[in-house]
């Protein structure tokens, strides 16, 4: 071993060791998990062997002589380690393969994630620098047979761990060195992308409506709205503009609803493509999007996107889906702070233009960072996070550190954001809109947890093992023809605090004029169906490599009420 540890090689391997040790807390957490169930010698021994193999592969990579191979490998392993460590330290949980895929699908939110989890990203970045230098620098002198053995086995060891994860449906990487886990996940995702056989995307197979709708159908998808934080669902909640609005249009509140999943990409995709809990994966892959149903029904299709700029797609949208959208508006020149309010203006204009349309709105809502997503005039709840005084798209970090004292500040800034992007949004909309017979369904992509139970951590959503609040969203119907009012009220009696967002897509099709029985057979029950909803959301949405979705049931009595001890209000 003297040759291996000579001179610069000692420094190189030392840097690799530091990078491995930086993530060793996850290994200890897995060992403690084994120990909590009693002495489990075989699983613990198996994990120890895997950890040693992974660590040896990293040391072996550092001793590769060929720079054209060593440096790219260093970059890949360091990037993988940074991604996995950042996620695990921010979320306080292991990164699963499903979580890895979800992060890839949510890459458009990388900037916001950097703001929210900047401290975790900075520390993981330092560990990644250690790894890239430890592997990348040229090894010196002869390393003897131990070094040669490590070198020969380095890449095969990485591939062997990847193969093991493949046969375990992506599971089994918890606690292993972050560089190996992230690299294996990337290889698995690449393999799936190359071998995927989705088939042709289908056209709309439902019979065309006998009569084209004469009024607009609207779906407003808000962002990161925790249903229990609004006054329509909680007497102590934040003003929503929906509890007693200044409008003649009826407001039908279904109360707390279950989201599709607890992360944006999957939730939005199912809201656009439909699918039941059993069929959503195939429906997203090959089914027609909502826009095509609207067009077949005789409606113009309009997409108002407040979240992205420059024609950028998000939430699994692609060119094929874009081709079904007649009018697509983004708001590049409008600061993030004012985009939802501009959406209110634009939506009001579309409702009064005399053209029957299906309109889908993606709001800014209350996605992190929240410290600057409201003006000073709406800083009602205090104490709150430190204000950065910048446009939100360039805002500094939310100073989130996982302590309960910090969560109090975060919850109050979140409340202020709701007051602006929900309450003031609807006030502005109702003041300008002529809703008429239009029907508007309002919900959110997913809920939020703000650690109301007192647990430590920095996760708000997208957790691999979430609290139920991550799947609890508002569900409200606004307007609709007068002759439908009684039907909506009967639906609320059936499904108040018991419906899910899986019912929105078939309800939209019914509003467009499609036959209810035909819709139900293909896309499941709508909000009028007497069938009880499972009231669950999906915590393993991608369900890849043979794994299955995991459904978390929401016990409505266990949904945490926002603590009124958080704040003092300033009118």
Protein backbone atom coordinates (compact mmCIF):
# COMPACT_ATOMS: atom_id res chain seq x y z
CA UNK A 1 0.00 0.00 0.00
CA UNK A 2 3.01 2.35 0.28
CA UNK A 3 2.89 3.00 -3.47
CA UNK A 4 -0.79 3.86 -3.34
CA UNK A 5 -0.29 6.41 -0.56
CA UNK A 6 2.88 8.05 -1.92
CA UNK A 7 3.08 11.86 -2.25
CA UNK A 8 0.29 13.45 -4.27
CA UNK A 9 -1.60 10.17 -4.17
CA UNK A 10 -2.06 10.62 -0.42
CA UNK A 11 -3.60 14.05 -1.04
CA UNK A 12 -5.81 12.72 -3.81
CA UNK A 13 -7.12 9.79 -1.84
CA UNK A 14 -7.51 12.01 1.21
CA UNK A 15 -9.78 14.36 -0.75
CA UNK A 16 -11.82 11.39 -1.97
CA UNK A 17 -12.07 10.18 1.62
CA UNK A 18 -13.30 13.61 2.79
CA UNK A 19 -15.99 13.54 0.09
CA UNK A 20 -17.13 10.08 1.21
CA UNK A 21 -17.13 11.07 4.88
CA UNK A 22 -19.18 14.20 4.09
CA UNK A 23 -22.12 11.96 3.26
CA UNK A 24 -21.45 9.29 5.84
CA UNK A 25 -24.29 10.51 8.02
CA UNK A 26 -26.68 8.80 5.63
CA UNK A 27 -24.79 5.52 6.10
CA UNK A 28 -25.09 5.80 9.87
CA UNK A 29 -28.78 6.59 9.50
CA UNK A 30 -29.30 3.40 7.51
CA UNK A 31 -27.35 1.38 10.07
CA UNK A 32 -29.50 2.86 12.84
CA UNK A 33 -32.52 1.84 10.77
CA UNK A 34 -31.27 -1.75 10.79
CA UNK A 35 -30.59 -1.58 14.51
CA UNK A 36 -34.03 -0.16 15.33
CA UNK A 37 -35.61 -3.42 14.19
CA UNK A 38 -33.29 -5.54 16.33
CA UNK A 39 -29.97 -7.04 15.33
CA UNK A 40 -30.08 -7.77 11.59
CA UNK A 41 -26.63 -9.16 10.85
CA UNK A 42 -27.16 -10.26 7.24
CA UNK A 43 -28.66 -6.96 5.96
CA UNK A 44 -26.07 -4.94 7.87
CA UNK A 45 -23.22 -7.06 6.53
CA UNK A 46 -24.58 -6.80 3.00
CA UNK A 47 -24.80 -3.03 3.28
CA UNK A 48 -21.25 -2.85 4.69
CA UNK A 49 -19.91 -4.85 1.75
CA UNK A 50 -21.74 -2.60 -0.73
CA UNK A 51 -20.44 0.53 0.96
CA UNK A 52 -16.86 -0.75 0.85
CA UNK A 53 -17.22 -1.68 -2.84
CA UNK A 54 -18.56 1.80 -3.64
CA UNK A 55 -15.82 3.55 -1.68
CA UNK A 56 -13.17 1.36 -3.33
CA UNK A 57 -14.55 2.26 -6.76
CA UNK A 58 -14.07 5.97 -6.01
CA UNK A 59 -10.52 5.46 -4.76
CA UNK A 60 -9.83 3.31 -7.83
CA UNK A 61 -11.17 6.02 -10.14
CA UNK A 62 -8.66 8.44 -8.59
CA UNK A 63 -5.79 6.14 -9.62
CA UNK A 64 -6.76 5.82 -13.31
CA UNK A 65 -3.79 6.97 -15.41
CA UNK A 66 -5.60 8.11 -18.53
CA UNK A 67 -6.70 11.71 -18.09
CA UNK A 68 -9.29 11.53 -20.90
CA UNK A 69 -11.13 8.92 -18.81
CA UNK A 70 -10.29 10.12 -15.30
CA UNK A 71 -11.47 13.76 -15.64
CA UNK A 72 -14.89 13.04 -17.21
CA UNK A 73 -15.43 10.38 -14.57
CA UNK A 74 -14.47 12.89 -11.88
CA UNK A 75 -16.98 15.42 -13.20
CA UNK A 76 -19.79 12.87 -13.45
CA UNK A 77 -19.19 11.45 -9.97
CA UNK A 78 -18.84 14.90 -8.39
CA UNK A 79 -22.04 16.18 -10.03
CA UNK A 80 -23.89 13.06 -8.91
CA UNK A 81 -22.60 13.45 -5.36
CA UNK A 82 -23.63 17.11 -5.23
CA UNK A 83 -27.16 16.36 -6.43
CA UNK A 84 -27.73 13.50 -4.01
CA UNK A 85 -26.13 15.18 -1.01
CA UNK A 86 -28.02 18.43 -1.57
CA UNK A 87 -31.32 16.58 -1.77
CA UNK A 88 -30.66 14.37 1.26
CA UNK A 89 -29.40 17.17 3.48
CA UNK A 90 -32.24 19.50 2.50
CA UNK A 91 -35.01 16.89 2.71
CA UNK A 92 -33.64 15.05 5.73
CA UNK A 93 -34.28 11.76 3.95
CA UNK A 94 -32.66 9.38 1.47
CA UNK A 95 -32.89 10.14 -2.23
CA UNK A 96 -34.86 7.35 -3.85
CA UNK A 97 -34.83 6.59 -7.56
CA UNK A 98 -38.34 8.01 -7.81
CA UNK A 99 -37.13 11.21 -6.15
CA UNK A 100 -34.20 11.38 -8.59
CA UNK A 101 -36.55 11.14 -11.57
CA UNK A 102 -38.86 13.72 -10.03
CA UNK A 103 -35.93 16.12 -9.66
CA UNK A 104 -35.07 15.63 -13.34
CA UNK A 105 -38.66 16.41 -14.31
CA UNK A 106 -38.56 19.51 -12.08
CA UNK A 107 -35.24 20.83 -13.41
CA UNK A 108 -36.93 24.08 -14.41
CA UNK A 109 -37.13 24.94 -10.71
CA UNK A 110 -33.39 24.62 -10.19
CA UNK A 111 -33.01 28.35 -9.60
CA UNK A 112 -35.73 28.39 -6.96
CA UNK A 113 -34.23 25.32 -5.33
CA UNK A 114 -30.86 27.06 -5.15
CA UNK A 115 -32.54 29.94 -3.35
CA UNK A 116 -34.43 27.72 -0.93
CA UNK A 117 -31.68 25.23 -0.18
CA UNK A 118 -28.62 27.37 -0.83
CA UNK A 119 -26.82 26.36 2.36
CA UNK A 120 -27.19 22.63 1.66
CA UNK A 121 -26.10 23.19 -1.93
CA UNK A 122 -23.02 25.15 -0.82
CA UNK A 123 -21.84 22.47 1.60
CA UNK A 124 -22.46 19.68 -0.90
CA UNK A 125 -20.60 21.77 -3.47
CA UNK A 126 -17.51 21.83 -1.25
CA UNK A 127 -17.66 18.06 -0.91
CA UNK A 128 -18.04 17.79 -4.70
CA UNK A 129 -14.95 19.96 -5.21
CA UNK A 130 -13.00 17.61 -2.97
CA UNK A 131 -14.17 14.68 -5.07
CA UNK A 132 -13.49 16.24 -8.46
CA UNK A 133 -9.94 17.23 -7.43
CA UNK A 134 -9.32 13.95 -5.63
CA UNK A 135 -10.22 11.94 -8.70
CA UNK A 136 -9.17 14.39 -11.41
CA UNK A 137 -5.60 15.22 -10.39
CA UNK A 138 -2.93 13.08 -12.05
CA UNK A 139 -1.74 10.19 -9.85
CA UNK A 140 2.03 9.93 -9.39
CA UNK A 141 4.44 7.03 -9.38
CA UNK A 142 3.74 3.34 -9.18
CA UNK A 143 0.83 2.32 -6.98
CA UNK A 144 1.72 -1.38 -6.90
CA UNK A 145 -0.74 -4.20 -7.22
CA UNK A 146 -3.31 -2.77 -4.71
CA UNK A 147 -3.62 0.41 -6.76
CA UNK A 148 -3.80 -1.48 -10.02
CA UNK A 149 -6.53 -3.73 -8.61
CA UNK A 150 -8.55 -0.73 -7.45
CA UNK A 151 -8.12 0.91 -10.86
CA UNK A 152 -9.23 -2.16 -12.81
CA UNK A 153 -12.29 -2.69 -10.61
CA UNK A 154 -13.40 0.96 -10.27
CA UNK A 155 -15.74 1.24 -13.27
CA UNK A 156 -16.96 -2.41 -13.09
CA UNK A 157 -17.84 -1.80 -9.42
CA UNK A 158 -19.95 1.25 -10.35
CA UNK A 159 -21.71 -0.78 -13.04
CA UNK A 160 -22.25 -3.71 -10.67
CA UNK A 161 -23.98 -1.47 -8.11
CA UNK A 162 -26.12 -0.04 -10.91
CA UNK A 163 -27.11 -3.55 -11.97
CA UNK A 164 -28.03 -4.40 -8.39
CA UNK A 165 -30.25 -1.32 -8.15
CA UNK A 166 -31.82 -2.24 -11.48
CA UNK A 167 -32.87 -5.68 -10.22
CA UNK A 168 -34.18 -4.07 -7.02
CA UNK A 169 -36.37 -1.62 -8.99
CA UNK A 170 -34.10 1.29 -8.07
CA UNK A 171 -34.12 0.48 -4.35
CA UNK A 172 -31.18 -0.38 -2.14
CA UNK A 173 -29.00 2.70 -2.60
CA UNK A 174 -29.90 4.34 0.71
CA UNK A 175 -26.79 5.24 2.68
CA UNK A 176 -24.26 4.35 -0.02
CA UNK A 177 -21.77 7.06 -1.10
CA UNK A 178 -23.70 9.82 -2.86
CA UNK A 179 -21.44 9.75 -5.95
CA UNK A 180 -22.22 6.09 -6.60
CA UNK A 181 -25.94 6.46 -5.92
CA UNK A 182 -26.36 9.49 -8.18
CA UNK A 183 -24.30 7.95 -10.99
CA UNK A 184 -26.23 4.68 -10.82
CA UNK A 185 -29.55 6.54 -10.87
CA UNK A 186 -28.41 8.52 -13.92
CA UNK A 187 -27.37 5.30 -15.71
CA UNK A 188 -30.72 3.70 -14.89
CA UNK A 189 -32.60 6.76 -16.17
CA UNK A 190 -30.52 6.72 -19.36
CA UNK A 191 -31.21 3.04 -19.87
CA UNK A 192 -34.95 3.60 -19.42
CA UNK A 193 -34.92 6.53 -21.84
CA UNK A 194 -33.18 4.48 -24.53
CA UNK A 195 -35.33 1.38 -24.12
CA UNK A 196 -38.71 3.02 -23.51
CA UNK A 197 -41.44 1.97 -25.89
CA UNK A 198 -44.39 4.24 -25.27
CA UNK A 199 -46.29 3.71 -28.48
CA UNK A 200 -48.12 6.28 -30.55
CA UNK A 201 -50.00 9.05 -28.78
CA UNK A 202 -53.67 8.45 -29.39
CA UNK A 203 -56.30 10.78 -30.74
CA UNK A 204 -59.45 11.51 -28.75
CA UNK A 205 -61.56 8.34 -28.88
CA UNK A 206 -64.65 9.65 -27.05
CA UNK A 207 -67.69 10.56 -29.09
CA UNK A 208 -67.85 14.25 -29.91
CA UNK A 209 -70.32 16.31 -27.84
CA UNK A 210 -73.69 16.70 -29.53
CA UNK A 211 -73.53 20.45 -28.96
CA UNK A 212 -70.48 22.68 -28.61
CA UNK A 213 -70.24 24.45 -25.23
CA UNK A 214 -71.47 28.03 -25.30
CA UNK A 215 -69.42 29.21 -22.32
CA UNK A 216 -65.85 29.01 -21.13
CA UNK A 217 -64.38 26.13 -19.12
CA UNK A 218 -61.43 27.11 -16.93
CA UNK A 219 -58.93 25.16 -14.81
CA UNK A 220 -56.75 27.25 -12.49
CA UNK A 221 -53.81 25.24 -11.14
CA UNK A 222 -52.23 27.16 -8.30
CA UNK A 223 -48.77 26.34 -7.01
CA UNK A 224 -47.91 24.92 -3.58
CA UNK A 225 -51.14 25.91 -1.82
CA UNK A 226 -51.74 24.15 1.51
CA UNK A 227 -55.51 23.78 1.70
CA UNK A 228 -55.70 24.10 5.50
CA UNK A 229 -54.04 27.54 5.40
CA UNK A 230 -56.97 29.23 3.60
CA UNK A 231 -59.98 30.79 5.34
CA UNK A 232 -62.41 28.76 3.21
CA UNK A 233 -61.20 25.65 5.05
CA UNK A 234 -60.07 27.05 8.38
CA UNK A 235 -61.64 29.89 10.43
CA UNK A 236 -58.12 31.04 11.37
CA UNK A 237 -56.85 30.74 7.80
CA UNK A 238 -55.51 33.36 5.44
CA UNK A 239 -57.90 35.54 3.45
CA UNK A 240 -58.53 33.74 0.16
CA UNK A 241 -61.01 36.04 -1.56
CA UNK A 242 -63.29 33.00 -1.88
CA UNK A 243 -65.10 32.83 1.47
CA UNK A 244 -67.36 35.84 0.82
CA UNK A 245 -66.36 37.22 -2.58
CA UNK A 246 -67.81 40.29 -4.23
CA UNK A 247 -69.42 38.38 -7.07
CA UNK A 248 -72.85 37.10 -8.05
CA UNK A 249 -71.34 33.85 -9.30
CA UNK A 250 -71.83 30.87 -6.99
CA UNK A 251 -68.82 29.53 -5.08
CA UNK A 252 -68.85 25.78 -4.45
CA UNK A 253 -66.19 24.76 -1.95
CA UNK A 254 -65.29 21.07 -1.83
CA UNK A 255 -63.02 21.78 1.15
CA UNK A 256 -59.76 19.88 1.55
CA UNK A 257 -58.97 17.58 -1.36
CA UNK A 258 -56.28 14.99 -2.10
CA UNK A 259 -53.72 15.97 -4.73
CA UNK A 260 -52.43 13.65 -7.45
CA UNK A 261 -48.98 13.46 -5.91
CA UNK A 262 -46.80 15.72 -3.76
CA UNK A 263 -44.60 17.19 -6.51
CA UNK A 264 -45.48 19.57 -9.36
CA UNK A 265 -44.52 17.69 -12.51
CA UNK A 266 -46.62 14.57 -12.00
CA UNK A 267 -49.58 16.46 -10.55
CA UNK A 268 -49.75 18.85 -13.51
CA UNK A 269 -49.32 16.05 -16.05
CA UNK A 270 -52.28 14.07 -14.70
CA UNK A 271 -54.42 17.21 -14.56
CA UNK A 272 -53.66 17.74 -18.27
CA UNK A 273 -53.82 14.12 -19.50
CA UNK A 274 -56.16 12.47 -17.02
CA UNK A 275 -55.99 8.88 -15.90
CA UNK A 276 -57.10 6.92 -12.89
CA UNK A 277 -54.92 5.69 -10.06
CA UNK A 278 -54.53 2.45 -12.02
CA UNK A 279 -53.99 3.90 -15.51
CA UNK A 280 -52.28 7.28 -15.11
CA UNK A 281 -48.83 6.12 -16.29
CA UNK A 282 -50.10 4.76 -19.60
CA UNK A 283 -52.48 7.68 -20.06
CA UNK A 284 -49.69 10.24 -19.66
CA UNK A 285 -47.49 8.26 -22.06
CA UNK A 286 -49.98 7.69 -24.88
CA UNK A 287 -53.24 9.48 -24.15
CA UNK A 288 -54.41 12.76 -25.71
CA UNK A 289 -54.06 15.94 -23.62
CA UNK A 290 -57.01 18.01 -22.43
CA UNK A 291 -56.47 20.50 -25.25
CA UNK A 292 -57.44 17.93 -27.87
CA UNK A 293 -60.68 17.14 -26.06
CA UNK A 294 -61.45 20.85 -25.92
CA UNK A 295 -60.78 21.28 -29.63
CA UNK A 296 -62.99 18.30 -30.52
CA UNK A 297 -65.73 19.87 -28.39
CA UNK A 298 -65.45 23.09 -30.41
CA UNK A 299 -63.53 25.18 -27.86
CA UNK A 300 -60.52 27.36 -28.52
CA UNK A 301 -57.59 26.35 -26.27
CA UNK A 302 -55.72 28.92 -24.17
CA UNK A 303 -52.76 28.39 -21.82
CA UNK A 304 -51.77 31.17 -19.40
CA UNK A 305 -48.40 30.26 -17.89
CA UNK A 306 -47.07 32.54 -15.14
CA UNK A 307 -44.24 30.22 -14.12
CA UNK A 308 -41.96 30.04 -17.16
CA UNK A 309 -40.63 32.51 -19.73
CA UNK A 310 -39.08 32.45 -23.18
CA UNK A 311 -41.22 29.60 -24.48
CA UNK A 312 -39.79 27.15 -21.95
CA UNK A 313 -41.82 24.01 -21.30
CA UNK A 314 -42.42 22.49 -17.89
CA UNK A 315 -44.23 19.67 -16.11
CA UNK A 316 -43.65 17.14 -18.93
CA UNK A 317 -45.04 19.35 -21.69
CA UNK A 318 -43.47 18.89 -25.13
CA UNK A 319 -43.78 20.05 -28.73
CA UNK A 320 -46.55 17.59 -29.53
CA UNK A 321 -48.72 18.86 -26.70
CA UNK A 322 -47.88 22.47 -27.55
CA UNK A 323 -49.30 21.93 -31.03
CA UNK A 324 -52.76 21.46 -29.48
CA UNK A 325 -52.72 24.88 -27.78
CA UNK A 326 -54.19 27.71 -29.87
CA UNK A 327 -53.06 30.59 -27.64
CA UNK A 328 -50.13 30.29 -25.23
CA UNK A 329 -49.15 33.28 -23.12
CA UNK A 330 -46.13 33.70 -20.89
CA UNK A 331 -45.20 36.96 -19.22
CA UNK A 332 -41.49 37.48 -19.73
CA UNK A 333 -41.48 41.22 -19.02
CA UNK A 334 -43.59 41.07 -15.85
CA UNK A 335 -41.84 40.70 -12.46
CA UNK A 336 -42.72 37.49 -10.62
CA UNK A 337 -44.40 39.53 -7.88
CA UNK A 338 -47.09 40.76 -10.29
CA UNK A 339 -47.60 37.83 -12.65
CA UNK A 340 -50.58 36.27 -10.87
CA UNK A 341 -52.31 39.65 -10.87
CA UNK A 342 -51.67 40.02 -14.58
CA UNK A 343 -53.13 36.53 -14.98
CA UNK A 344 -56.29 37.78 -13.22
CA UNK A 345 -56.56 40.59 -15.77
CA UNK A 346 -55.93 38.34 -18.78
CA UNK A 347 -58.37 35.69 -17.58
CA UNK A 348 -61.07 38.33 -17.11
CA UNK A 349 -60.45 39.53 -20.67
CA UNK A 350 -60.78 36.03 -22.13
CA UNK A 351 -64.05 35.44 -20.26
CA UNK A 352 -65.56 38.52 -21.87
CA UNK A 353 -64.29 38.09 -25.44
CA UNK A 354 -67.34 36.19 -26.67
CA UNK A 355 -65.37 33.10 -27.78
CA UNK A 356 -66.05 29.79 -25.98
CA UNK A 357 -62.69 28.56 -24.74
CA UNK A 358 -60.96 26.04 -22.54
CA UNK A 359 -58.46 28.02 -20.49
CA UNK A 360 -55.77 26.43 -18.32
CA UNK A 361 -53.90 28.68 -15.90
CA UNK A 362 -50.60 27.87 -14.17
CA UNK A 363 -50.16 30.41 -11.37
CA UNK A 364 -47.04 31.51 -9.49
CA UNK A 365 -48.87 30.82 -6.24
CA UNK A 366 -46.73 30.16 -3.18
CA UNK A 367 -43.79 28.16 -4.52
CA UNK A 368 -40.56 28.81 -2.65
CA UNK A 369 -38.87 31.22 -2.15
CA UNK A 370 -41.62 33.05 -0.24
CA UNK A 371 -39.69 35.86 1.48
CA UNK A 372 -40.35 38.32 -1.38
CA UNK A 373 -43.44 36.96 -3.12
CA UNK A 374 -45.69 39.66 -1.64
CA UNK A 375 -45.47 43.46 -1.43
CA UNK A 376 -44.95 45.34 1.84
CA UNK A 377 -48.66 46.18 1.83
CA UNK A 378 -49.41 42.49 2.40
CA UNK A 379 -46.83 41.79 5.11
CA UNK A 380 -49.66 41.18 7.55
CA UNK A 381 -48.30 38.18 9.45
CA UNK A 382 -45.22 38.73 11.59
CA UNK A 383 -42.51 37.88 12.56
CA UNK A 384 -41.48 36.73 9.10
CA UNK A 385 -38.41 35.87 7.07
CA UNK A 386 -35.95 38.61 6.27
CA UNK A 387 -36.94 40.48 3.13
CA UNK A 388 -34.37 40.64 0.34
CA UNK A 389 -35.93 43.60 -1.45
CA UNK A 390 -35.30 42.05 -4.87
CA UNK A 391 -37.38 40.70 -7.71
CA UNK A 392 -38.30 37.21 -6.56
CA UNK A 393 -36.60 35.56 -9.52
CA UNK A 394 -33.32 36.94 -8.17
CA UNK A 395 -34.10 36.79 -4.47
CA UNK A 396 -31.70 35.66 -1.80
CA UNK A 397 -32.23 32.55 0.24
CA UNK A 398 -35.19 32.12 2.59
CA UNK A 399 -32.75 31.43 5.46
CA UNK A 400 -34.41 28.08 6.01
CA UNK A 401 -32.44 26.07 8.57
CA UNK A 402 -34.90 23.42 9.78
CA UNK A 403 -35.37 24.73 13.33
CA UNK A 404 -38.89 25.30 14.64
CA UNK A 405 -38.16 28.96 15.37
CA UNK A 406 -37.28 29.36 11.69
CA UNK A 407 -40.40 27.53 10.55
CA UNK A 408 -42.49 30.09 12.43
CA UNK A 409 -40.95 32.83 10.27
CA UNK A 410 -41.41 30.75 7.14
CA UNK A 411 -45.07 30.00 7.86
CA UNK A 412 -45.78 33.70 8.32
CA UNK A 413 -44.06 34.66 5.06
CA UNK A 414 -46.06 31.87 3.41
CA UNK A 415 -49.27 33.29 4.86
CA UNK A 416 -48.39 36.72 3.46
CA UNK A 417 -47.75 35.14 0.06
CA UNK A 418 -51.17 33.49 0.16
CA UNK A 419 -52.79 36.80 1.02
CA UNK A 420 -51.27 38.34 -2.10
CA UNK A 421 -51.28 35.53 -4.68
CA UNK A 422 -54.57 33.96 -3.63
CA UNK A 423 -56.65 36.53 -1.71
CA UNK A 424 -55.67 39.65 -3.66
CA UNK A 425 -55.63 37.64 -6.90
CA UNK A 426 -59.27 36.64 -6.55
CA UNK A 427 -60.28 40.12 -5.39
CA UNK A 428 -58.76 41.54 -8.56
CA UNK A 429 -60.27 38.84 -10.74
CA UNK A 430 -63.81 39.22 -9.37
CA UNK A 431 -63.59 43.00 -9.70
CA UNK A 432 -62.78 42.73 -13.41
CA UNK A 433 -64.39 39.53 -14.66
CA UNK A 434 -67.81 38.94 -16.14
CA UNK A 435 -68.01 35.26 -15.33
CA UNK A 436 -71.48 34.66 -16.72
CA UNK A 437 -72.04 30.94 -17.36
CA UNK A 438 -68.34 30.10 -17.36
CA UNK A 439 -67.25 27.34 -14.98
CA UNK A 440 -63.92 27.71 -13.19
CA UNK A 441 -62.30 24.90 -11.21
CA UNK A 442 -59.60 26.09 -8.80
CA UNK A 443 -57.08 23.81 -7.11
CA UNK A 444 -53.35 23.44 -6.46
CA UNK A 445 -50.80 20.99 -7.80
CA UNK A 446 -49.83 19.83 -4.31
CA UNK A 447 -49.91 20.91 -0.69
CA UNK A 448 -47.15 21.82 1.74
CA UNK A 449 -45.78 20.73 5.08
CA UNK A 450 -44.24 23.36 7.32
CA UNK A 451 -43.30 20.93 10.08
CA UNK A 452 -46.33 21.83 12.18
CA UNK A 453 -45.79 18.64 14.20
CA UNK A 454 -42.44 19.95 15.41
CA UNK A 455 -40.15 17.71 13.36
CA UNK A 456 -36.77 19.00 12.18
CA UNK A 457 -35.94 19.38 8.51
CA UNK A 458 -36.20 21.69 5.51
CA UNK A 459 -38.57 19.85 3.16
CA UNK A 460 -41.88 21.44 2.19
CA UNK A 461 -42.97 18.97 -0.54
CA UNK A 462 -41.61 16.32 -2.93
CA UNK A 463 -40.52 14.27 0.10
CA UNK A 464 -40.05 10.52 -0.47
CA UNK A 465 -41.80 9.84 2.85
CA UNK A 466 -44.15 12.81 3.13
CA UNK A 467 -46.44 14.10 5.80
CA UNK A 468 -50.07 14.01 4.67
CA UNK A 469 -50.18 17.81 4.37
CA UNK A 470 -48.04 17.60 1.22
CA UNK A 471 -51.06 16.04 -0.49
CA UNK A 472 -53.81 18.33 0.86
CA UNK A 473 -55.05 21.05 -1.52
CA UNK A 474 -58.05 23.35 -1.96
CA UNK A 475 -60.79 22.48 -4.46
CA UNK A 476 -63.32 25.15 -5.40
CA UNK A 477 -65.76 25.55 -8.29
CA UNK A 478 -66.65 29.10 -9.32
CA UNK A 479 -69.61 30.04 -11.51
CA UNK A 480 -71.37 27.72 -13.90
CA UNK A 481 -74.83 27.94 -15.49
CA UNK A 482 -77.59 28.55 -12.94
CA UNK A 483 -79.33 25.32 -13.87
CA UNK A 484 -76.25 23.40 -12.67
CA UNK A 485 -76.10 25.05 -9.21
CA UNK A 486 -78.16 22.36 -7.47
CA UNK A 487 -76.06 19.62 -8.99
CA UNK A 488 -72.88 21.20 -7.67
CA UNK A 489 -74.38 21.54 -4.20
CA UNK A 490 -75.37 17.87 -4.23
CA UNK A 491 -71.80 16.99 -5.27
CA UNK A 492 -70.43 18.90 -2.29
CA UNK A 493 -72.74 17.02 0.05
CA UNK A 494 -71.23 13.80 -1.28
CA UNK A 495 -67.57 14.80 -1.39
CA UNK A 496 -66.83 17.67 1.00
CA UNK A 497 -63.34 17.07 2.42
CA UNK A 498 -63.34 13.74 0.59
CA UNK A 499 -62.62 14.35 -3.12
CA UNK A 500 -59.37 14.12 -5.04
CA UNK A 501 -57.86 15.88 -8.03
CA UNK A 502 -58.17 12.65 -10.03
CA UNK A 503 -61.81 13.68 -10.47
CA UNK A 504 -61.03 17.02 -12.11
CA UNK A 505 -60.18 15.73 -15.61
CA UNK A 506 -63.43 13.77 -16.09
CA UNK A 507 -65.38 16.71 -14.65
CA UNK A 508 -63.80 19.03 -17.23
CA UNK A 509 -64.80 16.63 -20.01
CA UNK A 510 -68.38 16.62 -18.72
CA UNK A 511 -68.35 20.43 -18.73
CA UNK A 512 -67.22 20.31 -22.37
CA UNK A 513 -70.23 18.18 -23.23
CA UNK A 514 -68.79 14.66 -23.37
CA UNK A 515 -71.07 11.82 -22.23
CA UNK A 516 -70.62 11.09 -18.54
CA UNK A 517 -70.79 7.32 -18.85
CA UNK A 518 -68.25 7.19 -21.66
CA UNK A 519 -65.93 9.54 -19.76
CA UNK A 520 -66.22 7.55 -16.54
CA UNK A 521 -65.30 4.30 -18.25
CA UNK A 522 -62.09 5.80 -19.65
CA UNK A 523 -61.07 8.32 -16.97
CA UNK A 524 -62.83 7.35 -13.78
CA UNK A 525 -65.52 9.07 -11.69
CA UNK A 526 -66.07 12.82 -11.77
CA UNK A 527 -67.08 15.13 -8.94
CA UNK A 528 -70.76 14.24 -9.41
CA UNK A 529 -70.29 10.49 -9.08
CA UNK A 530 -71.60 8.98 -5.82
CA UNK A 531 -68.61 6.62 -5.71
CA UNK A 532 -66.40 7.25 -2.69
CA UNK A 533 -62.88 8.47 -3.37
CA UNK A 534 -59.91 6.61 -1.81
CA UNK A 535 -58.64 10.05 -0.64
CA UNK A 536 -55.01 9.14 -1.27
CA UNK A 537 -52.09 10.72 -3.07
CA UNK A 538 -49.18 9.05 -4.80
CA UNK A 539 -45.77 9.07 -3.09
CA UNK A 540 -44.02 6.96 -5.76
CA UNK A 541 -45.34 8.63 -8.88
CA UNK A 542 -42.82 7.46 -11.48
CA UNK A 543 -43.01 3.83 -10.25
CA UNK A 544 -40.21 2.67 -12.54
CA UNK A 545 -38.19 -0.52 -12.99
CA UNK A 546 -41.03 -2.71 -11.84
CA UNK A 547 -41.86 -0.78 -8.68
CA UNK A 548 -45.47 0.18 -7.96
CA UNK A 549 -47.13 3.45 -6.95
CA UNK A 550 -47.46 4.00 -3.21
CA UNK A 551 -50.68 5.56 -1.97
CA UNK A 552 -50.79 7.59 1.24
CA UNK A 553 -54.26 7.92 2.73
CA UNK A 554 -55.22 11.27 4.20
CA UNK A 555 -57.01 11.07 7.54
CA UNK A 556 -58.87 14.38 7.51
CA UNK A 557 -58.84 14.51 11.30
CA UNK A 558 -55.05 14.29 11.30
CA UNK A 559 -54.43 17.24 8.94
CA UNK A 560 -52.53 19.77 11.00
CA UNK A 561 -54.21 23.10 11.60
CA UNK A 562 -51.80 26.03 11.11
CA UNK A 563 -50.59 27.22 14.53
CA UNK A 564 -52.24 30.51 15.53
CA UNK A 565 -49.39 31.03 18.00
CA UNK A 566 -47.07 31.76 15.05
CA UNK A 567 -48.03 35.33 14.48
CA UNK A 568 -49.31 38.71 15.39
CA UNK A 569 -51.15 40.45 12.59
CA UNK A 570 -50.73 44.00 11.34
CA UNK A 571 -53.81 45.41 9.64
